[in-house]
């Protein structure tokens, strides 16, 4: 089972997106864990993640996190997909980063 972690400023703004991603994963019969955290929890949760997606508001942390976790796929969520809460598109981004179809 794949573990997808979303990180934003405080962990609250991504909770609705997580729900949308769960629905998209269920529709595809893709078994995964999807959780949202605030940036303060990053060091604790990233080691167990298969992929990390950052909210657009903290995309500036991407390079720092990639240096800290060089073997983890880490990327910022597309601002449009985030704003529209497009769970299907964000799930697709996560799967692409994990090199899944």
PDB file of N, CA and C in Angstrom:
ATOM      1  N   UNK A   1       0.847  -1.173   0.000  1.00  0.00           N
ATOM      2  CA  UNK A   1       0.000   0.000   0.000  1.00  0.00           C
ATOM      3  C   UNK A   1       0.896   1.241   0.000  1.00  0.00           C
ATOM      4  N   UNK A   2       0.580   2.179  -0.851  1.00  0.00           N
ATOM      5  CA  UNK A   2       1.351   3.406  -0.976  1.00  0.00           C
ATOM      6  C   UNK A   2       0.874   4.446   0.040  1.00  0.00           C
ATOM      7  N   UNK A   3       1.814   5.253   0.504  1.00  0.00           N
ATOM      8  CA  UNK A   3       1.493   6.293   1.481  1.00  0.00           C
ATOM      9  C   UNK A   3       1.797   7.657   0.863  1.00  0.00           C
ATOM     10  N   UNK A   4       0.754   8.448   0.700  1.00  0.00           N
ATOM     11  CA  UNK A   4       0.847   9.776   0.105  1.00  0.00           C
ATOM     12  C   UNK A   4       0.672  10.799   1.223  1.00  0.00           C
ATOM     13  N   UNK A   5       1.642  11.692   1.340  1.00  0.00           N
ATOM     14  CA  UNK A   5       1.607  12.722   2.366  1.00  0.00           C
ATOM     15  C   UNK A   5       1.463  14.085   1.698  1.00  0.00           C
ATOM     16  N   UNK A   6       0.502  14.870   2.171  1.00  0.00           N
ATOM     17  CA  UNK A   6       0.337  16.252   1.742  1.00  0.00           C
ATOM     18  C   UNK A   6       0.766  17.134   2.903  1.00  0.00           C
ATOM     19  N   UNK A   7       1.546  18.149   2.580  1.00  0.00           N
ATOM     20  CA  UNK A   7       2.012  19.064   3.615  1.00  0.00           C
ATOM     21  C   UNK A   7       1.631  20.482   3.211  1.00  0.00           C
ATOM     22  N   UNK A   8       1.060  21.206   4.164  1.00  0.00           N
ATOM     23  CA  UNK A   8       0.744  22.617   3.928  1.00  0.00           C
ATOM     24  C   UNK A   8       1.201  23.404   5.153  1.00  0.00           C
ATOM     25  N   UNK A   9       0.829  24.644   5.205  1.00  0.00           N
ATOM     26  CA  UNK A   9       1.287  25.505   6.315  1.00  0.00           C
ATOM     27  C   UNK A   9       0.929  24.920   7.672  1.00  0.00           C
ATOM     28  N   UNK A  10      -0.336  24.587   7.848  1.00  0.00           N
ATOM     29  CA  UNK A  10      -0.763  24.072   9.144  1.00  0.00           C
ATOM     30  C   UNK A  10      -1.419  22.707   9.092  1.00  0.00           C
ATOM     31  N   UNK A  11      -1.631  22.170   7.906  1.00  0.00           N
ATOM     32  CA  UNK A  11      -2.259  20.861   7.778  1.00  0.00           C
ATOM     33  C   UNK A  11      -3.767  20.919   7.629  1.00  0.00           C
ATOM     34  N   UNK A  12      -4.349  22.090   7.791  1.00  0.00           N
ATOM     35  CA  UNK A  12      -5.801  22.201   7.753  1.00  0.00           C
ATOM     36  C   UNK A  12      -6.338  22.379   6.333  1.00  0.00           C
ATOM     37  N   UNK A  13      -5.666  23.179   5.533  1.00  0.00           N
ATOM     38  CA  UNK A  13      -6.207  23.501   4.216  1.00  0.00           C
ATOM     39  C   UNK A  13      -6.206  22.310   3.262  1.00  0.00           C
ATOM     40  N   UNK A  14      -5.418  21.310   3.548  1.00  0.00           N
ATOM     41  CA  UNK A  14      -5.369  20.155   2.652  1.00  0.00           C
ATOM     42  C   UNK A  14      -6.349  19.056   3.029  1.00  0.00           C
ATOM     43  N   UNK A  15      -7.023  19.180   4.167  1.00  0.00           N
ATOM     44  CA  UNK A  15      -7.899  18.091   4.614  1.00  0.00           C
ATOM     45  C   UNK A  15      -9.044  17.836   3.631  1.00  0.00           C
ATOM     46  N   UNK A  16      -9.596  18.874   3.031  1.00  0.00           N
ATOM     47  CA  UNK A  16     -10.662  18.689   2.051  1.00  0.00           C
ATOM     48  C   UNK A  16     -10.112  18.025   0.795  1.00  0.00           C
ATOM     49  N   UNK A  17      -8.903  18.416   0.389  1.00  0.00           N
ATOM     50  CA  UNK A  17      -8.268  17.794  -0.780  1.00  0.00           C
ATOM     51  C   UNK A  17      -7.998  16.313  -0.521  1.00  0.00           C
ATOM     52  N   UNK A  18      -7.615  15.964   0.682  1.00  0.00           N
ATOM     53  CA  UNK A  18      -7.402  14.564   1.041  1.00  0.00           C
ATOM     54  C   UNK A  18      -8.691  13.776   0.833  1.00  0.00           C
ATOM     55  N   UNK A  19      -9.824  14.329   1.236  1.00  0.00           N
ATOM     56  CA  UNK A  19     -11.110  13.659   1.038  1.00  0.00           C
ATOM     57  C   UNK A  19     -11.390  13.435  -0.443  1.00  0.00           C
ATOM     58  N   UNK A  20     -11.114  14.435  -1.244  1.00  0.00           N
ATOM     59  CA  UNK A  20     -11.315  14.318  -2.697  1.00  0.00           C
ATOM     60  C   UNK A  20     -10.380  13.271  -3.290  1.00  0.00           C
ATOM     61  N   UNK A  21      -9.159  13.216  -2.800  1.00  0.00           N
ATOM     62  CA  UNK A  21      -8.203  12.212  -3.284  1.00  0.00           C
ATOM     63  C   UNK A  21      -8.626  10.803  -2.877  1.00  0.00           C
ATOM     64  N   UNK A  22      -9.156  10.659  -1.657  1.00  0.00           N
ATOM     65  CA  UNK A  22      -9.670   9.352  -1.218  1.00  0.00           C
ATOM     66  C   UNK A  22     -10.778   8.878  -2.161  1.00  0.00           C
ATOM     67  N   UNK A  23     -11.672   9.780  -2.524  1.00  0.00           N
ATOM     68  CA  UNK A  23     -12.767   9.423  -3.431  1.00  0.00           C
ATOM     69  C   UNK A  23     -12.222   9.019  -4.793  1.00  0.00           C
ATOM     70  N   UNK A  24     -11.225   9.750  -5.289  1.00  0.00           N
ATOM     71  CA  UNK A  24     -10.625   9.412  -6.589  1.00  0.00           C
ATOM     72  C   UNK A  24      -9.921   8.055  -6.521  1.00  0.00           C
ATOM     73  N   UNK A  25      -9.212   7.800  -5.430  1.00  0.00           N
ATOM     74  CA  UNK A  25      -8.518   6.518  -5.273  1.00  0.00           C
ATOM     75  C   UNK A  25      -9.517   5.366  -5.205  1.00  0.00           C
ATOM     76  N   UNK A  26     -10.623   5.560  -4.498  1.00  0.00           N
ATOM     77  CA  UNK A  26     -11.658   4.527  -4.393  1.00  0.00           C
ATOM     78  C   UNK A  26     -12.263   4.243  -5.763  1.00  0.00           C
ATOM     79  N   UNK A  27     -12.492   5.288  -6.545  1.00  0.00           N
ATOM     80  CA  UNK A  27     -13.065   5.105  -7.883  1.00  0.00           C
ATOM     81  C   UNK A  27     -12.135   4.309  -8.796  1.00  0.00           C
ATOM     82  N   UNK A  28     -10.820   4.408  -8.547  1.00  0.00           N
ATOM     83  CA  UNK A  28      -9.826   3.680  -9.345  1.00  0.00           C
ATOM     84  C   UNK A  28      -9.446   2.343  -8.713  1.00  0.00           C
ATOM     85  N   UNK A  29     -10.001   2.045  -7.546  1.00  0.00           N
ATOM     86  CA  UNK A  29      -9.624   0.862  -6.777  1.00  0.00           C
ATOM     87  C   UNK A  29      -8.122   0.870  -6.475  1.00  0.00           C
ATOM     88  N   UNK A  30      -7.598   2.062  -6.201  1.00  0.00           N
ATOM     89  CA  UNK A  30      -6.183   2.237  -5.863  1.00  0.00           C
ATOM     90  C   UNK A  30      -6.070   2.314  -4.349  1.00  0.00           C
ATOM     91  N   UNK A  31      -5.457   1.298  -3.763  1.00  0.00           N
ATOM     92  CA  UNK A  31      -5.327   1.258  -2.309  1.00  0.00           C
ATOM     93  C   UNK A  31      -4.134   2.094  -1.876  1.00  0.00           C
ATOM     94  N   UNK A  32      -4.413   3.069  -1.031  1.00  0.00           N
ATOM     95  CA  UNK A  32      -3.357   3.941  -0.548  1.00  0.00           C
ATOM     96  C   UNK A  32      -3.800   4.629   0.728  1.00  0.00           C
ATOM     97  N   UNK A  33      -2.828   5.146   1.438  1.00  0.00           N
ATOM     98  CA  UNK A  33      -3.084   5.994   2.596  1.00  0.00           C
ATOM     99  C   UNK A  33      -2.769   7.410   2.151  1.00  0.00           C
ATOM    100  N   UNK A  34      -3.653   8.347   2.450  1.00  0.00           N
ATOM    101  CA  UNK A  34      -3.428   9.743   2.114  1.00  0.00           C
ATOM    102  C   UNK A  34      -3.670  10.546   3.380  1.00  0.00           C
ATOM    103  N   UNK A  35      -2.670  11.312   3.786  1.00  0.00           N
ATOM    104  CA  UNK A  35      -2.775  12.083   5.019  1.00  0.00           C
ATOM    105  C   UNK A  35      -2.225  13.483   4.805  1.00  0.00           C
ATOM    106  N   UNK A  36      -2.729  14.434   5.561  1.00  0.00           N
ATOM    107  CA  UNK A  36      -2.272  15.815   5.495  1.00  0.00           C
ATOM    108  C   UNK A  36      -1.647  16.216   6.826  1.00  0.00           C
ATOM    109  N   UNK A  37      -0.570  16.980   6.738  1.00  0.00           N
ATOM    110  CA  UNK A  37       0.149  17.453   7.917  1.00  0.00           C
ATOM    111  C   UNK A  37       0.592  18.886   7.699  1.00  0.00           C
ATOM    112  N   UNK A  38       0.888  19.544   8.790  1.00  0.00           N
ATOM    113  CA  UNK A  38       1.496  20.859   8.732  1.00  0.00           C
ATOM    114  C   UNK A  38       2.997  20.721   8.548  1.00  0.00           C
ATOM    115  N   UNK A  39       3.623  21.797   8.134  1.00  0.00           N
ATOM    116  CA  UNK A  39       5.065  21.781   7.876  1.00  0.00           C
ATOM    117  C   UNK A  39       5.854  21.382   9.123  1.00  0.00           C
ATOM    118  N   UNK A  40       5.352  21.686  10.288  1.00  0.00           N
ATOM    119  CA  UNK A  40       6.053  21.349  11.533  1.00  0.00           C
ATOM    120  C   UNK A  40       6.246  19.840  11.701  1.00  0.00           C
ATOM    121  N   UNK A  41       5.391  19.037  11.064  1.00  0.00           N
ATOM    122  CA  UNK A  41       5.477  17.576  11.192  1.00  0.00           C
ATOM    123  C   UNK A  41       6.306  16.931  10.087  1.00  0.00           C
ATOM    124  N   UNK A  42       6.823  17.713   9.157  1.00  0.00           N
ATOM    125  CA  UNK A  42       7.492  17.168   7.963  1.00  0.00           C
ATOM    126  C   UNK A  42       8.597  16.174   8.304  1.00  0.00           C
ATOM    127  N   UNK A  43       9.509  16.534   9.183  1.00  0.00           N
ATOM    128  CA  UNK A  43      10.630  15.638   9.494  1.00  0.00           C
ATOM    129  C   UNK A  43      10.168  14.307  10.068  1.00  0.00           C
ATOM    130  N   UNK A  44       9.058  14.296  10.764  1.00  0.00           N
ATOM    131  CA  UNK A  44       8.551  13.075  11.383  1.00  0.00           C
ATOM    132  C   UNK A  44       7.805  12.180  10.404  1.00  0.00           C
ATOM    133  N   UNK A  45       7.116  12.772   9.420  1.00  0.00           N
ATOM    134  CA  UNK A  45       6.247  11.965   8.555  1.00  0.00           C
ATOM    135  C   UNK A  45       6.843  11.630   7.190  1.00  0.00           C
ATOM    136  N   UNK A  46       7.760  12.430   6.699  1.00  0.00           N
ATOM    137  CA  UNK A  46       8.311  12.179   5.359  1.00  0.00           C
ATOM    138  C   UNK A  46       9.053  10.846   5.251  1.00  0.00           C
ATOM    139  N   UNK A  47       9.829  10.417   6.246  1.00  0.00           N
ATOM    140  CA  UNK A  47      10.544   9.149   6.089  1.00  0.00           C
ATOM    141  C   UNK A  47       9.655   7.949   5.747  1.00  0.00           C
ATOM    142  N   UNK A  48       8.412   7.926   6.214  1.00  0.00           N
ATOM    143  CA  UNK A  48       7.515   6.795   5.953  1.00  0.00           C
ATOM    144  C   UNK A  48       6.665   6.986   4.701  1.00  0.00           C
ATOM    145  N   UNK A  49       6.818   8.117   4.011  1.00  0.00           N
ATOM    146  CA  UNK A  49       5.996   8.414   2.838  1.00  0.00           C
ATOM    147  C   UNK A  49       6.594   7.815   1.567  1.00  0.00           C
ATOM    148  N   UNK A  50       5.708   7.466   0.642  1.00  0.00           N
ATOM    149  CA  UNK A  50       6.156   7.055  -0.694  1.00  0.00           C
ATOM    150  C   UNK A  50       6.262   8.263  -1.616  1.00  0.00           C
ATOM    151  N   UNK A  51       5.473   9.291  -1.328  1.00  0.00           N
ATOM    152  CA  UNK A  51       5.503  10.536  -2.094  1.00  0.00           C
ATOM    153  C   UNK A  51       5.010  11.660  -1.188  1.00  0.00           C
ATOM    154  N   UNK A  52       5.569  12.852  -1.409  1.00  0.00           N
ATOM    155  CA  UNK A  52       5.186  14.018  -0.621  1.00  0.00           C
ATOM    156  C   UNK A  52       4.763  15.129  -1.570  1.00  0.00           C
ATOM    157  N   UNK A  53       3.581  15.660  -1.332  1.00  0.00           N
ATOM    158  CA  UNK A  53       3.074  16.776  -2.127  1.00  0.00           C
ATOM    159  C   UNK A  53       2.910  17.986  -1.217  1.00  0.00           C
ATOM    160  N   UNK A  54       3.416  19.115  -1.684  1.00  0.00           N
ATOM    161  CA  UNK A  54       3.365  20.343  -0.908  1.00  0.00           C
ATOM    162  C   UNK A  54       2.252  21.244  -1.403  1.00  0.00           C
ATOM    163  N   UNK A  55       1.551  21.871  -0.473  1.00  0.00           N
ATOM    164  CA  UNK A  55       0.575  22.873  -0.859  1.00  0.00           C
ATOM    165  C   UNK A  55       1.289  24.013  -1.569  1.00  0.00           C
ATOM    166  N   UNK A  56       0.633  24.635  -2.549  1.00  0.00           N
ATOM    167  CA  UNK A  56       1.287  25.703  -3.308  1.00  0.00           C
ATOM    168  C   UNK A  56       1.808  26.847  -2.437  1.00  0.00           C
ATOM    169  N   UNK A  57       1.167  27.078  -1.295  1.00  0.00           N
ATOM    170  CA  UNK A  57       1.576  28.174  -0.435  1.00  0.00           C
ATOM    171  C   UNK A  57       2.928  27.934   0.232  1.00  0.00           C
ATOM    172  N   UNK A  58       3.422  26.689   0.216  1.00  0.00           N
ATOM    173  CA  UNK A  58       4.739  26.404   0.801  1.00  0.00           C
ATOM    174  C   UNK A  58       5.670  25.745  -0.217  1.00  0.00           C
ATOM    175  N   UNK A  59       5.422  25.978  -1.479  1.00  0.00           N
ATOM    176  CA  UNK A  59       6.251  25.367  -2.522  1.00  0.00           C
ATOM    177  C   UNK A  59       7.715  25.760  -2.381  1.00  0.00           C
ATOM    178  N   UNK A  60       7.998  26.866  -1.735  1.00  0.00           N
ATOM    179  CA  UNK A  60       9.377  27.314  -1.541  1.00  0.00           C
ATOM    180  C   UNK A  60      10.183  26.380  -0.635  1.00  0.00           C
ATOM    181  N   UNK A  61       9.520  25.483   0.080  1.00  0.00           N
ATOM    182  CA  UNK A  61      10.213  24.483   0.895  1.00  0.00           C
ATOM    183  C   UNK A  61      10.688  23.275   0.079  1.00  0.00           C
ATOM    184  N   UNK A  62      10.273  23.164  -1.154  1.00  0.00           N
ATOM    185  CA  UNK A  62      10.564  21.968  -1.938  1.00  0.00           C
ATOM    186  C   UNK A  62      12.059  21.656  -2.019  1.00  0.00           C
ATOM    187  N   UNK A  63      12.878  22.621  -2.386  1.00  0.00           N
ATOM    188  CA  UNK A  63      14.317  22.366  -2.522  1.00  0.00           C
ATOM    189  C   UNK A  63      14.955  21.962  -1.196  1.00  0.00           C
ATOM    190  N   UNK A  64      14.548  22.621  -0.139  1.00  0.00           N
ATOM    191  CA  UNK A  64      15.078  22.294   1.189  1.00  0.00           C
ATOM    192  C   UNK A  64      14.724  20.861   1.570  1.00  0.00           C
ATOM    193  N   UNK A  65      13.479  20.459   1.330  1.00  0.00           N
ATOM    194  CA  UNK A  65      13.058  19.097   1.662  1.00  0.00           C
ATOM    195  C   UNK A  65      13.732  18.067   0.760  1.00  0.00           C
ATOM    196  N   UNK A  66      13.933  18.397  -0.505  1.00  0.00           N
ATOM    197  CA  UNK A  66      14.629  17.471  -1.407  1.00  0.00           C
ATOM    198  C   UNK A  66      16.072  17.257  -0.968  1.00  0.00           C
ATOM    199  N   UNK A  67      16.701  18.290  -0.450  1.00  0.00           N
ATOM    200  CA  UNK A  67      18.069  18.128   0.069  1.00  0.00           C
ATOM    201  C   UNK A  67      18.063  17.268   1.323  1.00  0.00           C
ATOM    202  N   UNK A  68      17.059  17.435   2.159  1.00  0.00           N
ATOM    203  CA  UNK A  68      16.974  16.682   3.410  1.00  0.00           C
ATOM    204  C   UNK A  68      16.563  15.229   3.173  1.00  0.00           C
ATOM    205  N   UNK A  69      15.718  15.011   2.154  1.00  0.00           N
ATOM    206  CA  UNK A  69      15.219  13.663   1.835  1.00  0.00           C
ATOM    207  C   UNK A  69      15.457  13.386   0.349  1.00  0.00           C
ATOM    208  N   UNK A  70      16.702  13.155  -0.055  1.00  0.00           N
ATOM    209  CA  UNK A  70      17.029  13.037  -1.482  1.00  0.00           C
ATOM    210  C   UNK A  70      16.415  11.822  -2.186  1.00  0.00           C
ATOM    211  N   UNK A  71      15.990  10.833  -1.450  1.00  0.00           N
ATOM    212  CA  UNK A  71      15.424   9.631  -2.071  1.00  0.00           C
ATOM    213  C   UNK A  71      13.900   9.626  -2.097  1.00  0.00           C
ATOM    214  N   UNK A  72      13.284  10.740  -1.733  1.00  0.00           N
ATOM    215  CA  UNK A  72      11.825  10.833  -1.720  1.00  0.00           C
ATOM    216  C   UNK A  72      11.351  11.730  -2.851  1.00  0.00           C
ATOM    217  N   UNK A  73      10.323  11.296  -3.580  1.00  0.00           N
ATOM    218  CA  UNK A  73       9.726  12.211  -4.562  1.00  0.00           C
ATOM    219  C   UNK A  73       8.913  13.279  -3.821  1.00  0.00           C
ATOM    220  N   UNK A  74       9.299  14.516  -4.029  1.00  0.00           N
ATOM    221  CA  UNK A  74       8.653  15.645  -3.364  1.00  0.00           C
ATOM    222  C   UNK A  74       8.371  16.703  -4.418  1.00  0.00           C
ATOM    223  N   UNK A  75       7.126  17.159  -4.497  1.00  0.00           N
ATOM    224  CA  UNK A  75       6.757  18.171  -5.482  1.00  0.00           C
ATOM    225  C   UNK A  75       5.624  19.030  -4.941  1.00  0.00           C
ATOM    226  N   UNK A  76       5.515  20.220  -5.504  1.00  0.00           N
ATOM    227  CA  UNK A  76       4.412  21.107  -5.149  1.00  0.00           C
ATOM    228  C   UNK A  76       3.182  20.737  -5.968  1.00  0.00           C
ATOM    229  N   UNK A  77       2.032  20.846  -5.353  1.00  0.00           N
ATOM    230  CA  UNK A  77       0.766  20.607  -6.040  1.00  0.00           C
ATOM    231  C   UNK A  77       0.492  21.790  -6.966  1.00  0.00           C
ATOM    232  N   UNK A  78       0.023  21.498  -8.153  1.00  0.00           N
ATOM    233  CA  UNK A  78      -0.351  22.538  -9.098  1.00  0.00           C
ATOM    234  C   UNK A  78      -1.368  23.476  -8.443  1.00  0.00           C
ATOM    235  N   UNK A  79      -1.119  24.782  -8.570  1.00  0.00           N
ATOM    236  CA  UNK A  79      -1.969  25.771  -7.907  1.00  0.00           C
ATOM    237  C   UNK A  79      -3.431  25.682  -8.349  1.00  0.00           C
ATOM    238  N   UNK A  80      -3.650  25.441  -9.631  1.00  0.00           N
ATOM    239  CA  UNK A  80      -5.026  25.337 -10.138  1.00  0.00           C
ATOM    240  C   UNK A  80      -5.720  24.100  -9.564  1.00  0.00           C
ATOM    241  N   UNK A  81      -5.025  22.960  -9.596  1.00  0.00           N
ATOM    242  CA  UNK A  81      -5.611  21.731  -9.047  1.00  0.00           C
ATOM    243  C   UNK A  81      -5.897  21.866  -7.559  1.00  0.00           C
ATOM    244  N   UNK A  82      -5.005  22.550  -6.855  1.00  0.00           N
ATOM    245  CA  UNK A  82      -5.200  22.768  -5.422  1.00  0.00           C
ATOM    246  C   UNK A  82      -6.402  23.683  -5.183  1.00  0.00           C
ATOM    247  N   UNK A  83      -6.457  24.772  -5.917  1.00  0.00           N
ATOM    248  CA  UNK A  83      -7.547  25.729  -5.754  1.00  0.00           C
ATOM    249  C   UNK A  83      -8.909  25.137  -6.075  1.00  0.00           C
ATOM    250  N   UNK A  84      -8.943  24.252  -7.078  1.00  0.00           N
ATOM    251  CA  UNK A  84     -10.202  23.597  -7.470  1.00  0.00           C
ATOM    252  C   UNK A  84     -10.477  22.345  -6.653  1.00  0.00           C
ATOM    253  N   UNK A  85      -9.532  21.994  -5.765  1.00  0.00           N
ATOM    254  CA  UNK A  85      -9.638  20.765  -4.982  1.00  0.00           C
ATOM    255  C   UNK A  85      -9.868  19.562  -5.896  1.00  0.00           C
ATOM    256  N   UNK A  86      -9.062  19.480  -6.940  1.00  0.00           N
ATOM    257  CA  UNK A  86      -9.166  18.415  -7.938  1.00  0.00           C
ATOM    258  C   UNK A  86      -8.415  17.179  -7.434  1.00  0.00           C
ATOM    259  N   UNK A  87      -9.098  16.382  -6.645  1.00  0.00           N
ATOM    260  CA  UNK A  87      -8.487  15.192  -6.060  1.00  0.00           C
ATOM    261  C   UNK A  87      -7.979  14.209  -7.084  1.00  0.00           C
ATOM    262  N   UNK A  88      -8.689  14.073  -8.196  1.00  0.00           N
ATOM    263  CA  UNK A  88      -8.268  13.144  -9.241  1.00  0.00           C
ATOM    264  C   UNK A  88      -6.938  13.582  -9.853  1.00  0.00           C
ATOM    265  N   UNK A  89      -6.786  14.864 -10.139  1.00  0.00           N
ATOM    266  CA  UNK A  89      -5.550  15.367 -10.742  1.00  0.00           C
ATOM    267  C   UNK A  89      -4.375  15.264  -9.769  1.00  0.00           C
ATOM    268  N   UNK A  90      -4.618  15.558  -8.503  1.00  0.00           N
ATOM    269  CA  UNK A  90      -3.545  15.500  -7.515  1.00  0.00           C
ATOM    270  C   UNK A  90      -3.145  14.045  -7.255  1.00  0.00           C
ATOM    271  N   UNK A  91      -4.104  13.139  -7.247  1.00  0.00           N
ATOM    272  CA  UNK A  91      -3.783  11.714  -7.126  1.00  0.00           C
ATOM    273  C   UNK A  91      -2.951  11.269  -8.321  1.00  0.00           C
ATOM    274  N   UNK A  92      -3.314  11.722  -9.503  1.00  0.00           N
ATOM    275  CA  UNK A  92      -2.548  11.384 -10.705  1.00  0.00           C
ATOM    276  C   UNK A  92      -1.116  11.908 -10.582  1.00  0.00           C
ATOM    277  N   UNK A  93      -0.943  13.108 -10.068  1.00  0.00           N
ATOM    278  CA  UNK A  93       0.389  13.658  -9.864  1.00  0.00           C
ATOM    279  C   UNK A  93       1.192  12.775  -8.912  1.00  0.00           C
ATOM    280  N   UNK A  94       0.567  12.362  -7.821  1.00  0.00           N
ATOM    281  CA  UNK A  94       1.251  11.503  -6.847  1.00  0.00           C
ATOM    282  C   UNK A  94       1.668  10.182  -7.486  1.00  0.00           C
ATOM    283  N   UNK A  95       0.764   9.580  -8.256  1.00  0.00           N
ATOM    284  CA  UNK A  95       1.072   8.304  -8.913  1.00  0.00           C
ATOM    285  C   UNK A  95       2.194   8.469  -9.931  1.00  0.00           C
ATOM    286  N   UNK A  96       2.188   9.579 -10.651  1.00  0.00           N
ATOM    287  CA  UNK A  96       3.248   9.846 -11.624  1.00  0.00           C
ATOM    288  C   UNK A  96       4.599   9.968 -10.917  1.00  0.00           C
ATOM    289  N   UNK A  97       4.630  10.675  -9.804  1.00  0.00           N
ATOM    290  CA  UNK A  97       5.866  10.829  -9.053  1.00  0.00           C
ATOM    291  C   UNK A  97       6.364   9.487  -8.507  1.00  0.00           C
ATOM    292  N   UNK A  98       5.431   8.582  -8.205  1.00  0.00           N
ATOM    293  CA  UNK A  98       5.812   7.250  -7.719  1.00  0.00           C
ATOM    294  C   UNK A  98       6.082   6.283  -8.867  1.00  0.00           C
ATOM    295  N   UNK A  99       5.965   6.813 -10.098  1.00  0.00           N
ATOM    296  CA  UNK A  99       6.174   6.030 -11.319  1.00  0.00           C
ATOM    297  C   UNK A  99       5.172   4.891 -11.443  1.00  0.00           C
ATOM    298  N   UNK A 100       3.893   5.207 -11.088  1.00  0.00           N
ATOM    299  CA  UNK A 100       2.785   4.277 -11.250  1.00  0.00           C
ATOM    300  C   UNK A 100       1.907   4.791 -12.376  1.00  0.00           C
ATOM    301  N   UNK A 101       1.093   3.922 -12.944  1.00  0.00           N
ATOM    302  CA  UNK A 101       0.179   4.344 -14.005  1.00  0.00           C
ATOM    303  C   UNK A 101      -1.007   5.090 -13.446  1.00  0.00           C
TER     304      UNK A 101
END
